PDB file of N, CA and C in Angstrom:
ATOM      1  N   MET A   1      18.815  33.467  12.489  1.00  0.00           N
ATOM      2  CA  MET A   1      19.501  32.297  11.997  1.00  0.00           C
ATOM      3  C   MET A   1      19.543  32.352  10.474  1.00  0.00           C
ATOM      4  N   LYS A   2      20.703  32.161   9.917  1.00  0.00           N
ATOM      5  CA  LYS A   2      20.870  32.193   8.475  1.00  0.00           C
ATOM      6  C   LYS A   2      20.690  30.786   7.918  1.00  0.00           C
ATOM      7  N   LEU A   3      19.750  30.641   6.958  1.00  0.00           N
ATOM      8  CA  LEU A   3      19.482  29.349   6.349  1.00  0.00           C
ATOM      9  C   LEU A   3      20.432  29.110   5.188  1.00  0.00           C
ATOM     10  N   PRO A   4      20.760  27.841   4.928  1.00  0.00           N
ATOM     11  CA  PRO A   4      21.608  27.554   3.768  1.00  0.00           C
ATOM     12  C   PRO A   4      20.888  27.936   2.479  1.00  0.00           C
ATOM     13  N   VAL A   5      21.656  28.164   1.425  1.00  0.00           N
ATOM     14  CA  VAL A   5      21.077  28.532   0.137  1.00  0.00           C
ATOM     15  C   VAL A   5      20.094  27.465  -0.331  1.00  0.00           C
ATOM     16  N   ASP A   6      20.478  26.205  -0.221  1.00  0.00           N
ATOM     17  CA  ASP A   6      19.605  25.101  -0.578  1.00  0.00           C
ATOM     18  C   ASP A   6      18.913  24.641   0.697  1.00  0.00           C
ATOM     19  N   ARG A   7      17.711  25.115   0.918  1.00  0.00           N
ATOM     20  CA  ARG A   7      16.998  24.831   2.162  1.00  0.00           C
ATOM     21  C   ARG A   7      16.638  23.364   2.317  1.00  0.00           C
ATOM     22  N   THR A   8      16.629  22.613   1.224  1.00  0.00           N
ATOM     23  CA  THR A   8      16.272  21.198   1.316  1.00  0.00           C
ATOM     24  C   THR A   8      17.456  20.309   1.653  1.00  0.00           C
ATOM     25  N   SER A   9      18.669  20.842   1.648  1.00  0.00           N
ATOM     26  CA  SER A   9      19.847  19.994   1.842  1.00  0.00           C
ATOM     27  C   SER A   9      19.815  19.248   3.166  1.00  0.00           C
ATOM     28  N   ARG A  10      19.265  19.806   4.171  1.00  0.00           N
ATOM     29  CA  ARG A  10      19.238  19.121   5.461  1.00  0.00           C
ATOM     30  C   ARG A  10      18.133  18.070   5.531  1.00  0.00           C
ATOM     31  N   LEU A  11      17.302  17.998   4.495  1.00  0.00           N
ATOM     32  CA  LEU A  11      16.235  17.006   4.469  1.00  0.00           C
ATOM     33  C   LEU A  11      16.638  15.741   3.725  1.00  0.00           C
ATOM     34  N   ARG A  12      17.829  15.689   3.180  1.00  0.00           N
ATOM     35  CA  ARG A  12      18.284  14.520   2.432  1.00  0.00           C
ATOM     36  C   ARG A  12      18.750  13.422   3.377  1.00  0.00           C
ATOM     37  N   ILE A  13      18.289  12.223   3.062  1.00  0.00           N
ATOM     38  CA  ILE A  13      18.607  11.067   3.901  1.00  0.00           C
ATOM     39  C   ILE A  13      19.046   9.934   2.997  1.00  0.00           C
ATOM     40  N   LYS A  14      20.091   9.225   3.388  1.00  0.00           N
ATOM     41  CA  LYS A  14      20.556   8.087   2.599  1.00  0.00           C
ATOM     42  C   LYS A  14      19.553   6.943   2.712  1.00  0.00           C
ATOM     43  N   ALA A  15      19.308   6.318   1.578  1.00  0.00           N
ATOM     44  CA  ALA A  15      18.369   5.202   1.535  1.00  0.00           C
ATOM     45  C   ALA A  15      18.909   4.011   2.319  1.00  0.00           C
ATOM     46  N   LYS A  16      18.004   3.211   2.814  1.00  0.00           N
ATOM     47  CA  LYS A  16      18.329   1.958   3.495  1.00  0.00           C
ATOM     48  C   LYS A  16      18.119   0.813   2.515  1.00  0.00           C
ATOM     49  N   SER A  17      18.725  -0.299   2.766  1.00  0.00           N
ATOM     50  CA  SER A  17      18.478  -1.460   1.910  1.00  0.00           C
ATOM     51  C   SER A  17      17.055  -1.956   2.168  1.00  0.00           C
ATOM     52  N   TRP A  18      16.479  -2.580   1.147  1.00  0.00           N
ATOM     53  CA  TRP A  18      15.118  -3.111   1.315  1.00  0.00           C
ATOM     54  C   TRP A  18      15.090  -4.205   2.381  1.00  0.00           C
ATOM     55  N   ALA A  19      16.163  -4.966   2.491  1.00  0.00           N
ATOM     56  CA  ALA A  19      16.228  -6.003   3.529  1.00  0.00           C
ATOM     57  C   ALA A  19      16.192  -5.386   4.921  1.00  0.00           C
ATOM     58  N   SER A  20      16.906  -4.274   5.101  1.00  0.00           N
ATOM     59  CA  SER A  20      16.895  -3.635   6.421  1.00  0.00           C
ATOM     60  C   SER A  20      15.540  -2.998   6.710  1.00  0.00           C
ATOM     61  N   ILE A  21      14.889  -2.483   5.687  1.00  0.00           N
ATOM     62  CA  ILE A  21      13.546  -1.913   5.891  1.00  0.00           C
ATOM     63  C   ILE A  21      12.578  -3.021   6.281  1.00  0.00           C
ATOM     64  N   GLU A  22      12.652  -4.148   5.584  1.00  0.00           N
ATOM     65  CA  GLU A  22      11.762  -5.264   5.902  1.00  0.00           C
ATOM     66  C   GLU A  22      12.005  -5.783   7.316  1.00  0.00           C
ATOM     67  N   SER A  23      13.264  -5.903   7.712  1.00  0.00           N
ATOM     68  CA  SER A  23      13.554  -6.410   9.058  1.00  0.00           C
ATOM     69  C   SER A  23      13.198  -5.390  10.131  1.00  0.00           C
ATOM     70  N   PHE A  24      13.179  -4.132   9.777  1.00  0.00           N
ATOM     71  CA  PHE A  24      12.837  -3.056  10.708  1.00  0.00           C
ATOM     72  C   PHE A  24      11.341  -3.051  11.024  1.00  0.00           C
ATOM     73  N   MET A  25      10.515  -3.434  10.070  1.00  0.00           N
ATOM     74  CA  MET A  25       9.073  -3.257  10.194  1.00  0.00           C
ATOM     75  C   MET A  25       8.330  -4.192  11.140  1.00  0.00           C
ATOM     76  N   PRO A  26       8.579  -5.488  11.141  1.00  0.00           N
ATOM     77  CA  PRO A  26       7.658  -6.370  11.847  1.00  0.00           C
ATOM     78  C   PRO A  26       7.783  -6.445  13.367  1.00  0.00           C
ATOM     79  N   THR A  27       8.717  -5.732  13.967  1.00  0.00           N
ATOM     80  CA  THR A  27       8.863  -5.854  15.417  1.00  0.00           C
ATOM     81  C   THR A  27       7.658  -5.242  16.130  1.00  0.00           C
ATOM     82  N   PRO A  28       7.284  -5.782  17.283  1.00  0.00           N
ATOM     83  CA  PRO A  28       6.137  -5.246  18.026  1.00  0.00           C
ATOM     84  C   PRO A  28       6.280  -3.753  18.330  1.00  0.00           C
ATOM     85  N   ARG A  29       7.499  -3.299  18.560  1.00  0.00           N
ATOM     86  CA  ARG A  29       7.712  -1.878  18.861  1.00  0.00           C
ATOM     87  C   ARG A  29       7.219  -1.001  17.703  1.00  0.00           C
ATOM     88  N   HIS A  30       7.465  -1.429  16.469  1.00  0.00           N
ATOM     89  CA  HIS A  30       7.054  -0.631  15.327  1.00  0.00           C
ATOM     90  C   HIS A  30       5.585  -0.818  14.986  1.00  0.00           C
ATOM     91  N   HIS A  31       5.038  -1.982  15.292  1.00  0.00           N
ATOM     92  CA  HIS A  31       3.594  -2.148  15.097  1.00  0.00           C
ATOM     93  C   HIS A  31       2.849  -1.177  15.995  1.00  0.00           C
ATOM     94  N   SER A  32       3.330  -0.994  17.202  1.00  0.00           N
ATOM     95  CA  SER A  32       2.647  -0.076  18.109  1.00  0.00           C
ATOM     96  C   SER A  32       2.868   1.381  17.708  1.00  0.00           C
ATOM     97  N   ALA A  33       3.907   1.648  16.919  1.00  0.00           N
ATOM     98  CA  ALA A  33       4.186   3.017  16.492  1.00  0.00           C
ATOM     99  C   ALA A  33       3.441   3.364  15.203  1.00  0.00           C
ATOM    100  N   GLY A  34       2.604   2.467  14.706  1.00  0.00           N
ATOM    101  CA  GLY A  34       1.829   2.780  13.524  1.00  0.00           C
ATOM    102  C   GLY A  34       2.036   1.829  12.362  1.00  0.00           C
ATOM    103  N   TRP A  35       3.037   0.949  12.450  1.00  0.00           N
ATOM    104  CA  TRP A  35       3.238  -0.003  11.369  1.00  0.00           C
ATOM    105  C   TRP A  35       2.096  -0.997  11.355  1.00  0.00           C
ATOM    106  N   ALA A  36       1.679  -1.339  10.207  1.00  0.00           N
ATOM    107  CA  ALA A  36       0.651  -2.358  10.040  1.00  0.00           C
ATOM    108  C   ALA A  36       1.220  -3.458   9.153  1.00  0.00           C
ATOM    109  N   HIS A  37       0.618  -4.614   9.214  1.00  0.00           N
ATOM    110  CA  HIS A  37       1.057  -5.734   8.388  1.00  0.00           C
ATOM    111  C   HIS A  37       1.033  -5.355   6.905  1.00  0.00           C
ATOM    112  N   GLU A  38       0.113  -4.489   6.518  1.00  0.00           N
ATOM    113  CA  GLU A  38      -0.003  -4.061   5.123  1.00  0.00           C
ATOM    114  C   GLU A  38       1.239  -3.310   4.650  1.00  0.00           C
ATOM    115  N   SER A  39       1.895  -2.584   5.534  1.00  0.00           N
ATOM    116  CA  SER A  39       3.138  -1.895   5.170  1.00  0.00           C
ATOM    117  C   SER A  39       4.209  -2.915   4.830  1.00  0.00           C
ATOM    118  N   LEU A  40       4.284  -3.972   5.601  1.00  0.00           N
ATOM    119  CA  LEU A  40       5.240  -5.043   5.333  1.00  0.00           C
ATOM    120  C   LEU A  40       4.891  -5.745   4.021  1.00  0.00           C
ATOM    121  N   ASP A  41       3.606  -5.936   3.758  1.00  0.00           N
ATOM    122  CA  ASP A  41       3.180  -6.539   2.494  1.00  0.00           C
ATOM    123  C   ASP A  41       3.656  -5.709   1.307  1.00  0.00           C
ATOM    124  N   LEU A  42       3.586  -4.393   1.419  1.00  0.00           N
ATOM    125  CA  LEU A  42       4.030  -3.521   0.334  1.00  0.00           C
ATOM    126  C   LEU A  42       5.537  -3.645   0.115  1.00  0.00           C
ATOM    127  N   VAL A  43       6.301  -3.658   1.188  1.00  0.00           N
ATOM    128  CA  VAL A  43       7.762  -3.801   1.072  1.00  0.00           C
ATOM    129  C   VAL A  43       8.109  -5.138   0.423  1.00  0.00           C
ATOM    130  N   ARG A  44       7.430  -6.187   0.815  1.00  0.00           N
ATOM    131  CA  ARG A  44       7.673  -7.503   0.208  1.00  0.00           C
ATOM    132  C   ARG A  44       7.289  -7.507  -1.271  1.00  0.00           C
ATOM    133  N   HIS A  45       6.201  -6.836  -1.616  1.00  0.00           N
ATOM    134  CA  HIS A  45       5.779  -6.712  -3.019  1.00  0.00           C
ATOM    135  C   HIS A  45       6.872  -6.023  -3.843  1.00  0.00           C
ATOM    136  N   ILE A  46       7.452  -4.984  -3.299  1.00  0.00           N
ATOM    137  CA  ILE A  46       8.518  -4.255  -3.988  1.00  0.00           C
ATOM    138  C   ILE A  46       9.700  -5.187  -4.253  1.00  0.00           C
ATOM    139  N   GLY A  47      10.040  -6.017  -3.282  1.00  0.00           N
ATOM    140  CA  GLY A  47      11.130  -6.974  -3.470  1.00  0.00           C
ATOM    141  C   GLY A  47      10.796  -8.064  -4.466  1.00  0.00           C
ATOM    142  N   GLU A  48       9.583  -8.597  -4.390  1.00  0.00           N
ATOM    143  CA  GLU A  48       9.178  -9.707  -5.255  1.00  0.00           C
ATOM    144  C   GLU A  48       9.043  -9.295  -6.719  1.00  0.00           C
ATOM    145  N   THR A  49       8.680  -8.051  -6.973  1.00  0.00           N
ATOM    146  CA  THR A  49       8.457  -7.601  -8.349  1.00  0.00           C
ATOM    147  C   THR A  49       9.718  -7.034  -8.994  1.00  0.00           C
ATOM    148  N   GLY A  50      10.798  -6.947  -8.238  1.00  0.00           N
ATOM    149  CA  GLY A  50      12.037  -6.404  -8.783  1.00  0.00           C
ATOM    150  C   GLY A  50      12.134  -4.889  -8.715  1.00  0.00           C
ATOM    151  N   LEU A  51      11.102  -4.239  -8.207  1.00  0.00           N
ATOM    152  CA  LEU A  51      11.157  -2.780  -8.061  1.00  0.00           C
ATOM    153  C   LEU A  51      12.284  -2.356  -7.125  1.00  0.00           C
ATOM    154  N   SER A  52      12.657  -3.250  -6.230  1.00  0.00           N
ATOM    155  CA  SER A  52      13.727  -2.937  -5.265  1.00  0.00           C
ATOM    156  C   SER A  52      15.068  -2.694  -5.949  1.00  0.00           C
ATOM    157  N   LYS A  53      15.210  -3.142  -7.195  1.00  0.00           N
ATOM    158  CA  LYS A  53      16.462  -2.937  -7.930  1.00  0.00           C
ATOM    159  C   LYS A  53      16.601  -1.517  -8.465  1.00  0.00           C
ATOM    160  N   ARG A  54      15.464  -0.803  -8.572  1.00  0.00           N
ATOM    161  CA  ARG A  54      15.540   0.555  -9.108  1.00  0.00           C
ATOM    162  C   ARG A  54      14.933   1.628  -8.205  1.00  0.00           C
ATOM    163  N   LEU A  55      14.372   1.212  -7.077  1.00  0.00           N
ATOM    164  CA  LEU A  55      13.812   2.175  -6.129  1.00  0.00           C
ATOM    165  C   LEU A  55      14.613   2.144  -4.833  1.00  0.00           C
ATOM    166  N   TYR A  56      14.678   3.293  -4.189  1.00  0.00           N
ATOM    167  CA  TYR A  56      15.367   3.444  -2.906  1.00  0.00           C
ATOM    168  C   TYR A  56      14.360   3.942  -1.885  1.00  0.00           C
ATOM    169  N   ALA A  57      14.638   3.664  -0.616  1.00  0.00           N
ATOM    170  CA  ALA A  57      13.671   4.072   0.402  1.00  0.00           C
ATOM    171  C   ALA A  57      14.313   4.211   1.771  1.00  0.00           C
ATOM    172  N   PHE A  58      13.580   4.868   2.646  1.00  0.00           N
ATOM    173  CA  PHE A  58      13.868   4.869   4.072  1.00  0.00           C
ATOM    174  C   PHE A  58      12.543   4.973   4.792  1.00  0.00           C
ATOM    175  N   THR A  59      12.550   4.611   6.058  1.00  0.00           N
ATOM    176  CA  THR A  59      11.334   4.665   6.849  1.00  0.00           C
ATOM    177  C   THR A  59      11.474   5.703   7.949  1.00  0.00           C
ATOM    178  N   SER A  60      10.347   6.252   8.310  1.00  0.00           N
ATOM    179  CA  SER A  60      10.286   7.213   9.397  1.00  0.00           C
ATOM    180  C   SER A  60       8.944   7.020  10.087  1.00  0.00           C
ATOM    181  N   HIS A  61       8.989   6.470  11.268  1.00  0.00           N
ATOM    182  CA  HIS A  61       7.778   6.118  12.012  1.00  0.00           C
ATOM    183  C   HIS A  61       6.909   5.212  11.140  1.00  0.00           C
ATOM    184  N   ALA A  62       5.712   5.634  10.770  1.00  0.00           N
ATOM    185  CA  ALA A  62       4.829   4.793   9.957  1.00  0.00           C
ATOM    186  C   ALA A  62       4.907   5.137   8.480  1.00  0.00           C
ATOM    187  N   ASP A  63       5.837   5.983   8.087  1.00  0.00           N
ATOM    188  CA  ASP A  63       5.950   6.436   6.702  1.00  0.00           C
ATOM    189  C   ASP A  63       7.049   5.662   5.970  1.00  0.00           C
ATOM    190  N   LEU A  64       6.803   5.431   4.682  1.00  0.00           N
ATOM    191  CA  LEU A  64       7.805   4.853   3.805  1.00  0.00           C
ATOM    192  C   LEU A  64       8.052   5.875   2.703  1.00  0.00           C
ATOM    193  N   PHE A  65       9.275   6.386   2.619  1.00  0.00           N
ATOM    194  CA  PHE A  65       9.649   7.367   1.609  1.00  0.00           C
ATOM    195  C   PHE A  65      10.391   6.636   0.500  1.00  0.00           C
ATOM    196  N   ILE A  66       9.888   6.735  -0.739  1.00  0.00           N
ATOM    197  CA  ILE A  66      10.445   5.996  -1.873  1.00  0.00           C
ATOM    198  C   ILE A  66      10.878   6.985  -2.948  1.00  0.00           C
ATOM    199  N   SER A  67      12.043   6.716  -3.539  1.00  0.00           N
ATOM    200  CA  SER A  67      12.585   7.594  -4.572  1.00  0.00           C
ATOM    201  C   SER A  67      13.380   6.773  -5.585  1.00  0.00           C
ATOM    202  N   ILE A  68      13.808   7.433  -6.651  1.00  0.00           N
ATOM    203  CA  ILE A  68      14.690   6.795  -7.627  1.00  0.00           C
ATOM    204  C   ILE A  68      16.142   7.155  -7.350  1.00  0.00           C
ATOM    205  N   TYR A  69      16.367   7.915  -6.304  1.00  0.00           N
ATOM    206  CA  TYR A  69      17.718   8.361  -5.946  1.00  0.00           C
ATOM    207  C   TYR A  69      18.154   7.735  -4.622  1.00  0.00           C
ATOM    208  N   PRO A  70      19.429   7.365  -4.511  1.00  0.00           N
ATOM    209  CA  PRO A  70      19.910   6.744  -3.269  1.00  0.00           C
ATOM    210  C   PRO A  70      20.008   7.718  -2.096  1.00  0.00           C
ATOM    211  N   GLU A  71      20.040   9.002  -2.380  1.00  0.00           N
ATOM    212  CA  GLU A  71      19.975  10.015  -1.336  1.00  0.00           C
ATOM    213  C   GLU A  71      18.633  10.719  -1.507  1.00  0.00           C
ATOM    214  N   ILE A  72      17.766  10.557  -0.528  1.00  0.00           N
ATOM    215  CA  ILE A  72      16.369  10.950  -0.680  1.00  0.00           C
ATOM    216  C   ILE A  72      16.084  12.276   0.016  1.00  0.00           C
ATOM    217  N   ASP A  73      15.430  13.144  -0.723  1.00  0.00           N
ATOM    218  CA  ASP A  73      14.937  14.406  -0.188  1.00  0.00           C
ATOM    219  C   ASP A  73      13.468  14.184   0.154  1.00  0.00           C
ATOM    220  N   ARG A  74      13.077  14.453   1.369  1.00  0.00           N
ATOM    221  CA  ARG A  74      11.698  14.188   1.796  1.00  0.00           C
ATOM    222  C   ARG A  74      10.638  14.913   0.977  1.00  0.00           C
ATOM    223  N   TYR A  75      11.006  15.990   0.317  1.00  0.00           N
ATOM    224  CA  TYR A  75      10.012  16.798  -0.388  1.00  0.00           C
ATOM    225  C   TYR A  75      10.386  17.060  -1.838  1.00  0.00           C
ATOM    226  N   LYS A  76      11.133  16.169  -2.465  1.00  0.00           N
ATOM    227  CA  LYS A  76      11.498  16.357  -3.871  1.00  0.00           C
ATOM    228  C   LYS A  76      11.717  14.995  -4.514  1.00  0.00           C
ATOM    229  N   GLU A  77      10.963  14.728  -5.585  1.00  0.00           N
ATOM    230  CA  GLU A  77      11.049  13.445  -6.290  1.00  0.00           C
ATOM    231  C   GLU A  77      10.933  12.274  -5.324  1.00  0.00           C
ATOM    232  N   VAL A  78       9.883  12.313  -4.525  1.00  0.00           N
ATOM    233  CA  VAL A  78       9.690  11.250  -3.540  1.00  0.00           C
ATOM    234  C   VAL A  78       8.209  10.896  -3.435  1.00  0.00           C
ATOM    235  N   LEU A  79       7.965   9.612  -3.227  1.00  0.00           N
ATOM    236  CA  LEU A  79       6.618   9.117  -2.972  1.00  0.00           C
ATOM    237  C   LEU A  79       6.569   8.687  -1.508  1.00  0.00           C
ATOM    238  N   ARG A  80       5.687   9.303  -0.768  1.00  0.00           N
ATOM    239  CA  ARG A  80       5.505   8.966   0.648  1.00  0.00           C
ATOM    240  C   ARG A  80       4.291   8.050   0.739  1.00  0.00           C
ATOM    241  N   VAL A  81       4.485   6.877   1.339  1.00  0.00           N
ATOM    242  CA  VAL A  81       3.409   5.900   1.468  1.00  0.00           C
ATOM    243  C   VAL A  81       3.172   5.628   2.942  1.00  0.00           C
ATOM    244  N   ILE A  82       1.912   5.685   3.312  1.00  0.00           N
ATOM    245  CA  ILE A  82       1.504   5.408   4.694  1.00  0.00           C
ATOM    246  C   ILE A  82       0.325   4.450   4.637  1.00  0.00           C
ATOM    247  N   PHE A  83       0.358   3.396   5.453  1.00  0.00           N
ATOM    248  CA  PHE A  83      -0.861   2.611   5.604  1.00  0.00           C
ATOM    249  C   PHE A  83      -1.571   3.146   6.825  1.00  0.00           C
ATOM    250  N   ASN A  84      -2.763   3.675   6.609  1.00  0.00           N
ATOM    251  CA  ASN A  84      -3.556   4.264   7.674  1.00  0.00           C
ATOM    252  C   ASN A  84      -4.485   3.186   8.226  1.00  0.00           C
ATOM    253  N   ALA A  85      -4.130   2.635   9.375  1.00  0.00           N
ATOM    254  CA  ALA A  85      -4.905   1.536   9.958  1.00  0.00           C
ATOM    255  C   ALA A  85      -6.297   1.978  10.405  1.00  0.00           C
ATOM    256  N   SER A  86      -6.469   3.246  10.767  1.00  0.00           N
ATOM    257  CA  SER A  86      -7.782   3.704  11.225  1.00  0.00           C
ATOM    258  C   SER A  86      -8.790   3.793  10.080  1.00  0.00           C
ATOM    259  N   THR A  87      -8.322   4.085   8.861  1.00  0.00           N
ATOM    260  CA  THR A  87      -9.220   4.150   7.705  1.00  0.00           C
ATOM    261  C   THR A  87      -9.058   2.944   6.783  1.00  0.00           C
ATOM    262  N   ASN A  88      -8.065   2.088   7.094  1.00  0.00           N
ATOM    263  CA  ASN A  88      -7.778   0.893   6.314  1.00  0.00           C
ATOM    264  C   ASN A  88      -7.437   1.250   4.861  1.00  0.00           C
ATOM    265  N   THR A  89      -6.629   2.294   4.709  1.00  0.00           N
ATOM    266  CA  THR A  89      -6.253   2.764   3.373  1.00  0.00           C
ATOM    267  C   THR A  89      -4.745   2.944   3.254  1.00  0.00           C
ATOM    268  N   TYR A  90      -4.277   2.813   2.013  1.00  0.00           N
ATOM    269  CA  TYR A  90      -2.922   3.216   1.670  1.00  0.00           C
ATOM    270  C   TYR A  90      -3.012   4.667   1.216  1.00  0.00           C
ATOM    271  N   ASP A  91      -2.225   5.526   1.823  1.00  0.00           N
ATOM    272  CA  ASP A  91      -2.200   6.941   1.453  1.00  0.00           C
ATOM    273  C   ASP A  91      -0.891   7.229   0.735  1.00  0.00           C
ATOM    274  N   PHE A  92      -0.987   7.784  -0.475  1.00  0.00           N
ATOM    275  CA  PHE A  92       0.176   8.130  -1.289  1.00  0.00           C
ATOM    276  C   PHE A  92       0.264   9.640  -1.422  1.00  0.00           C
ATOM    277  N   GLU A  93       1.446  10.170  -1.239  1.00  0.00           N
ATOM    278  CA  GLU A  93       1.715  11.588  -1.477  1.00  0.00           C
ATOM    279  C   GLU A  93       2.971  11.676  -2.329  1.00  0.00           C
ATOM    280  N   TYR A  94       2.853  12.285  -3.488  1.00  0.00           N
ATOM    281  CA  TYR A  94       4.003  12.429  -4.383  1.00  0.00           C
ATOM    282  C   TYR A  94       4.453  13.888  -4.412  1.00  0.00           C
ATOM    283  N   TYR A  95       5.729  14.081  -4.131  1.00  0.00           N
ATOM    284  CA  TYR A  95       6.350  15.406  -4.156  1.00  0.00           C
ATOM    285  C   TYR A  95       7.339  15.429  -5.321  1.00  0.00           C
ATOM    286  N   SER A  96       7.085  16.264  -6.324  1.00  0.00           N
ATOM    287  CA  SER A  96       8.016  16.347  -7.452  1.00  0.00           C
ATOM    288  C   SER A  96       8.998  17.492  -7.286  1.00  0.00           C
ATOM    289  N   LYS A  97       8.602  18.506  -6.545  1.00  0.00           N
ATOM    290  CA  LYS A  97       9.437  19.698  -6.342  1.00  0.00           C
ATOM    291  C   LYS A  97       9.603  19.936  -4.850  1.00  0.00           C
ATOM    292  N   PRO A  98      10.604  20.699  -4.465  1.00  0.00           N
ATOM    293  CA  PRO A  98      10.836  20.916  -3.025  1.00  0.00           C
ATOM    294  C   PRO A  98       9.818  21.866  -2.398  1.00  0.00           C
ATOM    295  N   THR A  99       8.597  21.374  -2.281  1.00  0.00           N
ATOM    296  CA  THR A  99       7.544  22.133  -1.614  1.00  0.00           C
ATOM    297  C   THR A  99       7.035  21.305  -0.444  1.00  0.00           C
ATOM    298  N   LEU A 100       6.308  21.939   0.422  1.00  0.00           N
ATOM    299  CA  LEU A 100       5.770  21.218   1.568  1.00  0.00           C
ATOM    300  C   LEU A 100       4.401  20.616   1.274  1.00  0.00           C
ATOM    301  N   GLN A 101       3.852  20.877   0.090  1.00  0.00           N
ATOM    302  CA  GLN A 101       2.562  20.321  -0.309  1.00  0.00           C
ATOM    303  C   GLN A 101       2.777  19.299  -1.419  1.00  0.00           C
ATOM    304  N   PRO A 102       2.147  18.143  -1.313  1.00  0.00           N
ATOM    305  CA  PRO A 102       2.329  17.135  -2.369  1.00  0.00           C
ATOM    306  C   PRO A 102       1.672  17.567  -3.677  1.00  0.00           C
ATOM    307  N   GLU A 103       2.288  17.168  -4.784  1.00  0.00           N
ATOM    308  CA  GLU A 103       1.710  17.428  -6.099  1.00  0.00           C
ATOM    309  C   GLU A 103       0.495  16.533  -6.325  1.00  0.00           C
ATOM    310  N   VAL A 104       0.595  15.291  -5.831  1.00  0.00           N
ATOM    311  CA  VAL A 104      -0.491  14.331  -5.956  1.00  0.00           C
ATOM    312  C   VAL A 104      -0.695  13.668  -4.602  1.00  0.00           C
ATOM    313  N   SER A 105      -1.939  13.528  -4.212  1.00  0.00           N
ATOM    314  CA  SER A 105      -2.276  12.866  -2.956  1.00  0.00           C
ATOM    315  C   SER A 105      -3.474  11.956  -3.211  1.00  0.00           C
ATOM    316  N   ARG A 106      -3.312  10.675  -2.907  1.00  0.00           N
ATOM    317  CA  ARG A 106      -4.375   9.703  -3.157  1.00  0.00           C
ATOM    318  C   ARG A 106      -4.481   8.739  -1.980  1.00  0.00           C
ATOM    319  N   SER A 107      -5.690   8.244  -1.768  1.00  0.00           N
ATOM    320  CA  SER A 107      -5.941   7.194  -0.777  1.00  0.00           C
ATOM    321  C   SER A 107      -6.684   6.066  -1.460  1.00  0.00           C
ATOM    322  N   TYR A 108      -6.262   4.833  -1.156  1.00  0.00           N
ATOM    323  CA  TYR A 108      -6.885   3.665  -1.765  1.00  0.00           C
ATOM    324  C   TYR A 108      -7.187   2.632  -0.687  1.00  0.00           C
ATOM    325  N   PRO A 109      -8.311   1.924  -0.814  1.00  0.00           N
ATOM    326  CA  PRO A 109      -8.632   0.862   0.145  1.00  0.00           C
ATOM    327  C   PRO A 109      -7.548  -0.215   0.164  1.00  0.00           C
ATOM    328  N   ARG A 110      -7.404  -0.848   1.304  1.00  0.00           N
ATOM    329  CA  ARG A 110      -6.386  -1.884   1.501  1.00  0.00           C
ATOM    330  C   ARG A 110      -6.398  -2.919   0.382  1.00  0.00           C
ATOM    331  N   GLU A 111      -7.565  -3.310  -0.060  1.00  0.00           N
ATOM    332  CA  GLU A 111      -7.692  -4.386  -1.047  1.00  0.00           C
ATOM    333  C   GLU A 111      -7.028  -4.060  -2.391  1.00  0.00           C
ATOM    334  N   VAL A 112      -6.956  -2.792  -2.758  1.00  0.00           N
ATOM    335  CA  VAL A 112      -6.384  -2.419  -4.060  1.00  0.00           C
ATOM    336  C   VAL A 112      -5.107  -1.591  -3.925  1.00  0.00           C
ATOM    337  N   GLY A 113      -4.681  -1.332  -2.710  1.00  0.00           N
ATOM    338  CA  GLY A 113      -3.549  -0.432  -2.466  1.00  0.00           C
ATOM    339  C   GLY A 113      -2.250  -0.846  -3.139  1.00  0.00           C
ATOM    340  N   ILE A 114      -1.904  -2.123  -3.077  1.00  0.00           N
ATOM    341  CA  ILE A 114      -0.638  -2.569  -3.667  1.00  0.00           C
ATOM    342  C   ILE A 114      -0.700  -2.487  -5.192  1.00  0.00           C
ATOM    343  N   ASP A 115      -1.846  -2.853  -5.779  1.00  0.00           N
ATOM    344  CA  ASP A 115      -1.998  -2.715  -7.235  1.00  0.00           C
ATOM    345  C   ASP A 115      -1.917  -1.246  -7.649  1.00  0.00           C
ATOM    346  N   LYS A 116      -2.535  -0.372  -6.882  1.00  0.00           N
ATOM    347  CA  LYS A 116      -2.492   1.065  -7.186  1.00  0.00           C
ATOM    348  C   LYS A 116      -1.073   1.606  -7.030  1.00  0.00           C
ATOM    349  N   PHE A 117      -0.330   1.067  -6.073  1.00  0.00           N
ATOM    350  CA  PHE A 117       1.072   1.461  -5.917  1.00  0.00           C
ATOM    351  C   PHE A 117       1.845   1.138  -7.192  1.00  0.00           C
ATOM    352  N   SER A 118       1.683  -0.082  -7.689  1.00  0.00           N
ATOM    353  CA  SER A 118       2.383  -0.486  -8.911  1.00  0.00           C
ATOM    354  C   SER A 118       1.991   0.400 -10.090  1.00  0.00           C
ATOM    355  N   SER A 119       0.717   0.714 -10.195  1.00  0.00           N
ATOM    356  CA  SER A 119       0.245   1.597 -11.268  1.00  0.00           C
ATOM    357  C   SER A 119       0.829   2.991 -11.119  1.00  0.00           C
ATOM    358  N   PHE A 120       0.920   3.470  -9.897  1.00  0.00           N
ATOM    359  CA  PHE A 120       1.457   4.801  -9.636  1.00  0.00           C
ATOM    360  C   PHE A 120       2.931   4.860 -10.037  1.00  0.00           C
ATOM    361  N   ILE A 121       3.686   3.833  -9.679  1.00  0.00           N
ATOM    362  CA  ILE A 121       5.113   3.770 -10.037  1.00  0.00           C
ATOM    363  C   ILE A 121       5.267   3.731 -11.556  1.00  0.00           C
ATOM    364  N   GLU A 122       4.422   2.975 -12.215  1.00  0.00           N
ATOM    365  CA  GLU A 122       4.460   2.905 -13.671  1.00  0.00           C
ATOM    366  C   GLU A 122       4.117   4.268 -14.290  1.00  0.00           C
ATOM    367  N   HIS A 123       3.126   4.936 -13.727  1.00  0.00           N
ATOM    368  CA  HIS A 123       2.727   6.265 -14.216  1.00  0.00           C
ATOM    369  C   HIS A 123       3.876   7.267 -14.086  1.00  0.00           C
ATOM    370  N   LEU A 124       4.623   7.173 -12.991  1.00  0.00           N
ATOM    371  CA  LEU A 124       5.777   8.061 -12.787  1.00  0.00           C
ATOM    372  C   LEU A 124       6.957   7.681 -13.683  1.00  0.00           C
ATOM    373  N   ARG A 125       6.865   6.529 -14.309  1.00  0.00           N
ATOM    374  CA  ARG A 125       7.944   5.972 -15.149  1.00  0.00           C
ATOM    375  C   ARG A 125       9.205   5.718 -14.336  1.00  0.00           C
ATOM    376  N   TRP A 126       8.986   5.249 -13.122  1.00  0.00           N
ATOM    377  CA  TRP A 126      10.096   4.893 -12.243  1.00  0.00           C
ATOM    378  C   TRP A 126      10.437   3.447 -12.484  1.00  0.00           C
TER     379      TRP A 126
END
């Protein structure tokens, strides 16, 4: 099988509106698939702070992929956020280049996760 020259092109996904992401999250079907109330809290925080005006995102199972571009590459200039209910932590993985390994990977307790998210976004200058 011959791969395209740009191997990441098939990984690009158009961002969803923050309203559609928020409405997608709270249904029982998605809670059972790994969504936690904390994930919804983060999405609401993004809307309340105005970050939604300059950040784009899409969801995939329990993952929230956030970027500054309306067409998002899963492994390039993207912040992947997961609330891990088993460890009660927000897990952040930042991919700056099209690699399969994150450049930065951090986990924070639920109590400080949203504040750390805001700090992380500020650090990235997004």
